[in-house]
Amino acid sequence: MFSDCSFVAINNMAKKEAVIKLTQEEFPSVINDKKTPLVIVDFFAEWCMPCVKMGPVFERLAGKYSKVKFCKVNVDEANNLANEYAVSSIPCIIFFKEGEEVDRIVGSASDFLLEEKISDYLKL
């Protein structure tokens, strides 16, 4: 029998799996996945306080929108990828449809703004 603490730990682990941490090698196949209507990638760094603050927002939205892939790319580990997508400030959240960038947000964003954009792109 699970205690309440065990349930919380297991539940938190499940939520964390909703956001995929991408490497440079995995990136192209994930953003080009035709089965996924929208891929959202958060370019971040662990030392960046606004990035850290965006983490829980991203996690909540990933749990809410199962049709959308939520991914994170650490710019310190995938610097070439950050350069390829002209990420010069972080956090930088890029929205992809069928492998093409359709939008981006630079800096912290509210749940409301992200949800509004997600809803708009899922309608298209």
Foldseek 3Di string as FASTA:
>chain_A
DDDPVRVVVVVVVVLVVLEAEDAPVCPQCVLQPQQAQKEKEWEEAPVDPQSVVCVVLLSVVSVVDVSYRHYYYHCVRHVVVCVVVVPPAPRKMFMGGNNDTDDIDGTHDDSVVVVVVVVVSVVD
